[in-house]
């Protein structure tokens, strides 16, 4: 489910970029794919009978993360685990 959420987030970011929005890496650093409100943690999720082959995963977002790499992330709270 987390991977599916990450794919959805990536697709939305790509759509926003195509529409001309500016996506800052700092904004993306605050987004978490670990949302659980819509997940039935103890339910059954069986997808093998669907027979749907997923599209190839494209990891490229087109967002320059260099500013995040260049700053001291521990000073802004991104370098520490919760």
PDB file of N, CA and C in Angstrom:
ATOM      1  N   UNK A   1       0.814  -1.192   0.000  1.00  0.00           N
ATOM      2  CA  UNK A   1       0.000   0.000   0.000  1.00  0.00           C
ATOM      3  C   UNK A   1       0.861   1.261   0.000  1.00  0.00           C
ATOM      4  N   UNK A   2       1.965   1.213   0.742  1.00  0.00           N
ATOM      5  CA  UNK A   2       2.832   2.391   0.777  1.00  0.00           C
ATOM      6  C   UNK A   2       3.416   2.650  -0.599  1.00  0.00           C
ATOM      7  N   UNK A   3       3.848   1.584  -1.290  1.00  0.00           N
ATOM      8  CA  UNK A   3       4.404   1.752  -2.632  1.00  0.00           C
ATOM      9  C   UNK A   3       3.334   2.314  -3.574  1.00  0.00           C
ATOM     10  N   UNK A   4       2.106   1.832  -3.460  1.00  0.00           N
ATOM     11  CA  UNK A   4       1.017   2.341  -4.300  1.00  0.00           C
ATOM     12  C   UNK A   4       0.795   3.826  -4.026  1.00  0.00           C
ATOM     13  N   UNK A   5       0.810   4.225  -2.759  1.00  0.00           N
ATOM     14  CA  UNK A   5       0.660   5.644  -2.419  1.00  0.00           C
ATOM     15  C   UNK A   5       1.804   6.458  -3.002  1.00  0.00           C
ATOM     16  N   UNK A   6       3.032   5.923  -2.939  1.00  0.00           N
ATOM     17  CA  UNK A   6       4.185   6.625  -3.511  1.00  0.00           C
ATOM     18  C   UNK A   6       4.021   6.797  -5.014  1.00  0.00           C
ATOM     19  N   UNK A   7       3.495   5.779  -5.695  1.00  0.00           N
ATOM     20  CA  UNK A   7       3.238   5.892  -7.136  1.00  0.00           C
ATOM     21  C   UNK A   7       2.188   6.964  -7.424  1.00  0.00           C
ATOM     22  N   UNK A   8       1.136   7.001  -6.617  1.00  0.00           N
ATOM     23  CA  UNK A   8       0.098   8.019  -6.791  1.00  0.00           C
ATOM     24  C   UNK A   8       0.659   9.422  -6.582  1.00  0.00           C
ATOM     25  N   UNK A   9       1.480   9.600  -5.559  1.00  0.00           N
ATOM     26  CA  UNK A   9       2.093  10.902  -5.300  1.00  0.00           C
ATOM     27  C   UNK A   9       2.973  11.311  -6.472  1.00  0.00           C
ATOM     28  N   UNK A  10       3.776  10.375  -6.977  1.00  0.00           N
ATOM     29  CA  UNK A  10       4.657  10.673  -8.108  1.00  0.00           C
ATOM     30  C   UNK A  10       3.852  11.080  -9.342  1.00  0.00           C
ATOM     31  N   UNK A  11       2.746  10.397  -9.591  1.00  0.00           N
ATOM     32  CA  UNK A  11       1.912  10.724 -10.753  1.00  0.00           C
ATOM     33  C   UNK A  11       1.306  12.119 -10.611  1.00  0.00           C
ATOM     34  N   UNK A  12       0.861  12.466  -9.423  1.00  0.00           N
ATOM     35  CA  UNK A  12       0.292  13.794  -9.186  1.00  0.00           C
ATOM     36  C   UNK A  12       1.354  14.869  -9.368  1.00  0.00           C
ATOM     37  N   UNK A  13       2.571  14.613  -8.876  1.00  0.00           N
ATOM     38  CA  UNK A  13       3.667  15.578  -9.053  1.00  0.00           C
ATOM     39  C   UNK A  13       3.941  15.779 -10.544  1.00  0.00           C
ATOM     40  N   UNK A  14       3.982  14.684 -11.307  1.00  0.00           N
ATOM     41  CA  UNK A  14       4.208  14.800 -12.753  1.00  0.00           C
ATOM     42  C   UNK A  14       3.106  15.621 -13.423  1.00  0.00           C
ATOM     43  N   UNK A  15       1.854  15.392 -13.032  1.00  0.00           N
ATOM     44  CA  UNK A  15       0.736  16.143 -13.613  1.00  0.00           C
ATOM     45  C   UNK A  15       0.855  17.633 -13.296  1.00  0.00           C
ATOM     46  N   UNK A  16       1.204  17.949 -12.050  1.00  0.00           N
ATOM     47  CA  UNK A  16       1.361  19.356 -11.668  1.00  0.00           C
ATOM     48  C   UNK A  16       2.491  20.022 -12.450  1.00  0.00           C
ATOM     49  N   UNK A  17       3.605  19.302 -12.641  1.00  0.00           N
ATOM     50  CA  UNK A  17       4.711  19.847 -13.419  1.00  0.00           C
ATOM     51  C   UNK A  17       4.291  20.110 -14.861  1.00  0.00           C
ATOM     52  N   UNK A  18       3.514  19.187 -15.452  1.00  0.00           N
ATOM     53  CA  UNK A  18       3.023  19.370 -16.819  1.00  0.00           C
ATOM     54  C   UNK A  18       2.094  20.579 -16.928  1.00  0.00           C
ATOM     55  N   UNK A  19       1.361  20.873 -15.852  1.00  0.00           N
ATOM     56  CA  UNK A  19       0.453  22.020 -15.835  1.00  0.00           C
ATOM     57  C   UNK A  19       1.188  23.335 -15.576  1.00  0.00           C
ATOM     58  N   UNK A  20       2.504  23.252 -15.320  1.00  0.00           N
ATOM     59  CA  UNK A  20       3.276  24.465 -15.137  1.00  0.00           C
ATOM     60  C   UNK A  20       3.529  24.865 -13.702  1.00  0.00           C
ATOM     61  N   UNK A  21       3.124  24.037 -12.745  1.00  0.00           N
ATOM     62  CA  UNK A  21       3.374  24.327 -11.337  1.00  0.00           C
ATOM     63  C   UNK A  21       4.850  24.174 -11.030  1.00  0.00           C
ATOM     64  N   UNK A  22       5.339  24.935 -10.087  1.00  0.00           N
ATOM     65  CA  UNK A  22       6.699  24.788  -9.597  1.00  0.00           C
ATOM     66  C   UNK A  22       6.652  23.928  -8.346  1.00  0.00           C
ATOM     67  N   UNK A  23       7.381  22.826  -8.380  1.00  0.00           N
ATOM     68  CA  UNK A  23       7.417  21.906  -7.249  1.00  0.00           C
ATOM     69  C   UNK A  23       8.777  22.059  -6.570  1.00  0.00           C
ATOM     70  N   UNK A  24       8.759  22.469  -5.329  1.00  0.00           N
ATOM     71  CA  UNK A  24       9.989  22.639  -4.566  1.00  0.00           C
ATOM     72  C   UNK A  24      10.317  21.350  -3.823  1.00  0.00           C
ATOM     73  N   UNK A  25      11.579  20.951  -3.797  1.00  0.00           N
ATOM     74  CA  UNK A  25      11.928  19.714  -3.090  1.00  0.00           C
ATOM     75  C   UNK A  25      11.591  19.767  -1.604  1.00  0.00           C
ATOM     76  N   UNK A  26      11.628  20.949  -1.016  1.00  0.00           N
ATOM     77  CA  UNK A  26      11.268  21.075   0.397  1.00  0.00           C
ATOM     78  C   UNK A  26       9.805  20.701   0.638  1.00  0.00           C
ATOM     79  N   UNK A  27       8.941  21.020  -0.329  1.00  0.00           N
ATOM     80  CA  UNK A  27       7.532  20.649  -0.206  1.00  0.00           C
ATOM     81  C   UNK A  27       7.364  19.130  -0.237  1.00  0.00           C
ATOM     82  N   UNK A  28       8.074  18.482  -1.137  1.00  0.00           N
ATOM     83  CA  UNK A  28       7.975  17.028  -1.248  1.00  0.00           C
ATOM     84  C   UNK A  28       8.557  16.326  -0.032  1.00  0.00           C
ATOM     85  N   UNK A  29       9.494  16.964   0.630  1.00  0.00           N
ATOM     86  CA  UNK A  29      10.105  16.348   1.811  1.00  0.00           C
ATOM     87  C   UNK A  29       9.097  16.188   2.948  1.00  0.00           C
ATOM     88  N   UNK A  30       7.987  16.915   2.885  1.00  0.00           N
ATOM     89  CA  UNK A  30       6.975  16.848   3.944  1.00  0.00           C
ATOM     90  C   UNK A  30       5.845  15.872   3.626  1.00  0.00           C
ATOM     91  N   UNK A  31       5.849  15.289   2.445  1.00  0.00           N
ATOM     92  CA  UNK A  31       4.784  14.365   2.041  1.00  0.00           C
ATOM     93  C   UNK A  31       5.171  12.949   2.443  1.00  0.00           C
ATOM     94  N   UNK A  32       4.240  12.231   3.020  1.00  0.00           N
ATOM     95  CA  UNK A  32       4.493  10.850   3.434  1.00  0.00           C
ATOM     96  C   UNK A  32       3.537   9.904   2.706  1.00  0.00           C
ATOM     97  N   UNK A  33       4.084   8.847   2.103  1.00  0.00           N
ATOM     98  CA  UNK A  33       3.202   7.850   1.477  1.00  0.00           C
ATOM     99  C   UNK A  33       2.597   6.891   2.490  1.00  0.00           C
ATOM    100  N   UNK A  34       2.942   7.057   3.774  1.00  0.00           N
ATOM    101  CA  UNK A  34       2.441   6.151   4.796  1.00  0.00           C
ATOM    102  C   UNK A  34       1.155   6.709   5.404  1.00  0.00           C
ATOM    103  N   UNK A  35       0.125   6.747   4.600  1.00  0.00           N
ATOM    104  CA  UNK A  35      -1.202   7.146   5.064  1.00  0.00           C
ATOM    105  C   UNK A  35      -2.007   5.870   5.280  1.00  0.00           C
ATOM    106  N   UNK A  36      -2.692   5.784   6.387  1.00  0.00           N
ATOM    107  CA  UNK A  36      -3.375   4.524   6.710  1.00  0.00           C
ATOM    108  C   UNK A  36      -4.883   4.649   6.866  1.00  0.00           C
ATOM    109  N   UNK A  37      -5.437   5.835   6.659  1.00  0.00           N
ATOM    110  CA  UNK A  37      -6.876   6.007   6.872  1.00  0.00           C
ATOM    111  C   UNK A  37      -7.708   5.109   5.955  1.00  0.00           C
ATOM    112  N   UNK A  38      -7.227   4.863   4.739  1.00  0.00           N
ATOM    113  CA  UNK A  38      -8.004   4.102   3.767  1.00  0.00           C
ATOM    114  C   UNK A  38      -7.612   2.620   3.718  1.00  0.00           C
ATOM    115  N   UNK A  39      -6.758   2.186   4.623  1.00  0.00           N
ATOM    116  CA  UNK A  39      -6.255   0.820   4.595  1.00  0.00           C
ATOM    117  C   UNK A  39      -6.928  -0.003   5.686  1.00  0.00           C
ATOM    118  N   UNK A  40      -7.464  -1.139   5.295  1.00  0.00           N
ATOM    119  CA  UNK A  40      -7.990  -2.104   6.256  1.00  0.00           C
ATOM    120  C   UNK A  40      -6.826  -3.011   6.630  1.00  0.00           C
ATOM    121  N   UNK A  41      -6.161  -2.689   7.727  1.00  0.00           N
ATOM    122  CA  UNK A  41      -4.921  -3.383   8.086  1.00  0.00           C
ATOM    123  C   UNK A  41      -5.087  -4.876   8.258  1.00  0.00           C
ATOM    124  N   UNK A  42      -6.253  -5.322   8.660  1.00  0.00           N
ATOM    125  CA  UNK A  42      -6.448  -6.741   8.903  1.00  0.00           C
ATOM    126  C   UNK A  42      -7.367  -7.375   7.862  1.00  0.00           C
ATOM    127  N   UNK A  43      -7.626  -6.623   6.801  1.00  0.00           N
ATOM    128  CA  UNK A  43      -8.470  -7.142   5.730  1.00  0.00           C
ATOM    129  C   UNK A  43      -7.668  -7.966   4.746  1.00  0.00           C
ATOM    130  N   UNK A  44      -8.366  -8.518   3.765  1.00  0.00           N
ATOM    131  CA  UNK A  44      -7.712  -9.344   2.754  1.00  0.00           C
ATOM    132  C   UNK A  44      -7.614  -8.553   1.465  1.00  0.00           C
ATOM    133  N   UNK A  45      -6.393  -8.418   0.987  1.00  0.00           N
ATOM    134  CA  UNK A  45      -6.142  -7.724  -0.268  1.00  0.00           C
ATOM    135  C   UNK A  45      -5.551  -8.735  -1.242  1.00  0.00           C
ATOM    136  N   UNK A  46      -6.387  -9.309  -2.036  1.00  0.00           N
ATOM    137  CA  UNK A  46      -5.940 -10.302  -3.001  1.00  0.00           C
ATOM    138  C   UNK A  46      -6.064  -9.705  -4.394  1.00  0.00           C
ATOM    139  N   UNK A  47      -4.964  -9.633  -5.102  1.00  0.00           N
ATOM    140  CA  UNK A  47      -4.988  -9.037  -6.445  1.00  0.00           C
ATOM    141  C   UNK A  47      -4.592 -10.019  -7.539  1.00  0.00           C
ATOM    142  N   UNK A  48      -4.205 -11.239  -7.172  1.00  0.00           N
ATOM    143  CA  UNK A  48      -3.720 -12.167  -8.194  1.00  0.00           C
ATOM    144  C   UNK A  48      -4.808 -12.557  -9.193  1.00  0.00           C
ATOM    145  N   UNK A  49      -6.064 -12.537  -8.785  1.00  0.00           N
ATOM    146  CA  UNK A  49      -7.126 -12.933  -9.715  1.00  0.00           C
ATOM    147  C   UNK A  49      -7.515 -11.819 -10.683  1.00  0.00           C
ATOM    148  N   UNK A  50      -6.995 -10.619 -10.475  1.00  0.00           N
ATOM    149  CA  UNK A  50      -7.308  -9.521 -11.385  1.00  0.00           C
ATOM    150  C   UNK A  50      -6.654  -9.710 -12.748  1.00  0.00           C
ATOM    151  N   UNK A  51      -5.468 -10.300 -12.769  1.00  0.00           N
ATOM    152  CA  UNK A  51      -4.781 -10.541 -14.034  1.00  0.00           C
ATOM    153  C   UNK A  51      -4.319  -9.276 -14.722  1.00  0.00           C
ATOM    154  N   UNK A  52      -4.112  -8.212 -13.971  1.00  0.00           N
ATOM    155  CA  UNK A  52      -3.698  -6.941 -14.558  1.00  0.00           C
ATOM    156  C   UNK A  52      -2.187  -6.800 -14.428  1.00  0.00           C
ATOM    157  N   UNK A  53      -1.526  -6.579 -15.548  1.00  0.00           N
ATOM    158  CA  UNK A  53      -0.090  -6.350 -15.543  1.00  0.00           C
ATOM    159  C   UNK A  53       0.163  -4.863 -15.313  1.00  0.00           C
ATOM    160  N   UNK A  54       0.890  -4.498 -14.253  1.00  0.00           N
ATOM    161  CA  UNK A  54       1.129  -3.075 -13.997  1.00  0.00           C
ATOM    162  C   UNK A  54       2.069  -2.466 -15.038  1.00  0.00           C
ATOM    163  N   UNK A  55       1.925  -1.168 -15.238  1.00  0.00           N
ATOM    164  CA  UNK A  55       2.830  -0.454 -16.124  1.00  0.00           C
ATOM    165  C   UNK A  55       4.225  -0.433 -15.509  1.00  0.00           C
ATOM    166  N   UNK A  56       5.216  -0.224 -16.350  1.00  0.00           N
ATOM    167  CA  UNK A  56       6.587  -0.114 -15.857  1.00  0.00           C
ATOM    168  C   UNK A  56       6.693   1.119 -14.961  1.00  0.00           C
ATOM    169  N   UNK A  57       7.424   0.989 -13.885  1.00  0.00           N
ATOM    170  CA  UNK A  57       7.594   2.090 -12.935  1.00  0.00           C
ATOM    171  C   UNK A  57       8.633   3.069 -13.455  1.00  0.00           C
ATOM    172  N   UNK A  58       8.272   4.348 -13.489  1.00  0.00           N
ATOM    173  CA  UNK A  58       9.189   5.410 -13.900  1.00  0.00           C
ATOM    174  C   UNK A  58       9.549   6.227 -12.669  1.00  0.00           C
ATOM    175  N   UNK A  59      10.778   6.113 -12.151  1.00  0.00           N
ATOM    176  CA  UNK A  59      11.145   6.815 -10.925  1.00  0.00           C
ATOM    177  C   UNK A  59      11.459   8.299 -11.113  1.00  0.00           C
ATOM    178  N   UNK A  60      11.554   8.791 -12.346  1.00  0.00           N
ATOM    179  CA  UNK A  60      11.946  10.186 -12.575  1.00  0.00           C
ATOM    180  C   UNK A  60      10.762  11.117 -12.333  1.00  0.00           C
ATOM    181  N   UNK A  61      10.972  12.128 -11.467  1.00  0.00           N
ATOM    182  CA  UNK A  61       9.940  13.118 -11.185  1.00  0.00           C
ATOM    183  C   UNK A  61      10.191  14.436 -11.902  1.00  0.00           C
ATOM    184  N   UNK A  62      11.427  14.751 -12.213  1.00  0.00           N
ATOM    185  CA  UNK A  62      11.733  16.037 -12.829  1.00  0.00           C
ATOM    186  C   UNK A  62      11.837  17.164 -11.815  1.00  0.00           C
ATOM    187  N   UNK A  63      12.101  16.833 -10.553  1.00  0.00           N
ATOM    188  CA  UNK A  63      12.277  17.825  -9.492  1.00  0.00           C
ATOM    189  C   UNK A  63      13.749  17.804  -9.088  1.00  0.00           C
ATOM    190  N   UNK A  64      14.354  18.976  -9.007  1.00  0.00           N
ATOM    191  CA  UNK A  64      15.760  19.077  -8.644  1.00  0.00           C
ATOM    192  C   UNK A  64      15.899  19.023  -7.118  1.00  0.00           C
ATOM    193  N   UNK A  65      16.426  17.915  -6.611  1.00  0.00           N
ATOM    194  CA  UNK A  65      16.601  17.733  -5.172  1.00  0.00           C
ATOM    195  C   UNK A  65      17.969  18.207  -4.683  1.00  0.00           C
ATOM    196  N   UNK A  66      18.757  18.824  -5.556  1.00  0.00           N
ATOM    197  CA  UNK A  66      20.086  19.301  -5.178  1.00  0.00           C
ATOM    198  C   UNK A  66      20.049  20.223  -3.966  1.00  0.00           C
ATOM    199  N   UNK A  67      19.096  21.169  -3.861  1.00  0.00           N
ATOM    200  CA  UNK A  67      19.083  22.043  -2.680  1.00  0.00           C
ATOM    201  C   UNK A  67      18.961  21.268  -1.369  1.00  0.00           C
ATOM    202  N   UNK A  68      18.221  20.179  -1.356  1.00  0.00           N
ATOM    203  CA  UNK A  68      18.093  19.380  -0.139  1.00  0.00           C
ATOM    204  C   UNK A  68      19.395  18.658   0.185  1.00  0.00           C
ATOM    205  N   UNK A  69      20.098  18.220  -0.849  1.00  0.00           N
ATOM    206  CA  UNK A  69      21.363  17.531  -0.624  1.00  0.00           C
ATOM    207  C   UNK A  69      22.429  18.489  -0.120  1.00  0.00           C
ATOM    208  N   UNK A  70      22.349  19.757  -0.534  1.00  0.00           N
ATOM    209  CA  UNK A  70      23.382  20.728  -0.201  1.00  0.00           C
ATOM    210  C   UNK A  70      23.220  21.335   1.191  1.00  0.00           C
ATOM    211  N   UNK A  71      22.022  21.323   1.741  1.00  0.00           N
ATOM    212  CA  UNK A  71      21.829  21.917   3.065  1.00  0.00           C
ATOM    213  C   UNK A  71      21.979  20.862   4.144  1.00  0.00           C
ATOM    214  N   UNK A  72      22.160  21.325   5.352  1.00  0.00           N
ATOM    215  CA  UNK A  72      22.300  20.430   6.497  1.00  0.00           C
ATOM    216  C   UNK A  72      20.901  19.990   6.916  1.00  0.00           C
ATOM    217  N   UNK A  73      20.502  18.784   6.506  1.00  0.00           N
ATOM    218  CA  UNK A  73      19.140  18.301   6.756  1.00  0.00           C
ATOM    219  C   UNK A  73      18.871  18.075   8.237  1.00  0.00           C
ATOM    220  N   UNK A  74      19.881  17.778   9.013  1.00  0.00           N
ATOM    221  CA  UNK A  74      19.636  17.556  10.433  1.00  0.00           C
ATOM    222  C   UNK A  74      19.220  18.862  11.119  1.00  0.00           C
ATOM    223  N   UNK A  75      19.645  19.990  10.574  1.00  0.00           N
ATOM    224  CA  UNK A  75      19.277  21.281  11.167  1.00  0.00           C
ATOM    225  C   UNK A  75      17.816  21.604  10.944  1.00  0.00           C
ATOM    226  N   UNK A  76      17.221  21.065   9.860  1.00  0.00           N
ATOM    227  CA  UNK A  76      15.817  21.345   9.568  1.00  0.00           C
ATOM    228  C   UNK A  76      14.895  20.232  10.034  1.00  0.00           C
ATOM    229  N   UNK A  77      15.463  19.192  10.633  1.00  0.00           N
ATOM    230  CA  UNK A  77      14.635  18.127  11.157  1.00  0.00           C
ATOM    231  C   UNK A  77      14.431  16.968  10.223  1.00  0.00           C
ATOM    232  N   UNK A  78      14.942  17.049   8.979  1.00  0.00           N
ATOM    233  CA  UNK A  78      14.739  15.968   8.018  1.00  0.00           C
ATOM    234  C   UNK A  78      15.721  14.821   8.231  1.00  0.00           C
ATOM    235  N   UNK A  79      16.811  15.071   8.940  1.00  0.00           N
ATOM    236  CA  UNK A  79      17.829  14.057   9.095  1.00  0.00           C
ATOM    237  C   UNK A  79      17.642  13.173  10.319  1.00  0.00           C
ATOM    238  N   UNK A  80      16.551  13.367  11.033  1.00  0.00           N
ATOM    239  CA  UNK A  80      16.330  12.576  12.240  1.00  0.00           C
ATOM    240  C   UNK A  80      15.083  11.728  12.095  1.00  0.00           C
ATOM    241  N   UNK A  81      15.127  10.560  12.660  1.00  0.00           N
ATOM    242  CA  UNK A  81      13.968   9.670  12.625  1.00  0.00           C
ATOM    243  C   UNK A  81      12.995  10.046  13.727  1.00  0.00           C
ATOM    244  N   UNK A  82      11.732   9.753  13.479  1.00  0.00           N
ATOM    245  CA  UNK A  82      10.703  10.055  14.479  1.00  0.00           C
ATOM    246  C   UNK A  82      10.725   9.061  15.599  1.00  0.00           C
TER     247      UNK A  82
END
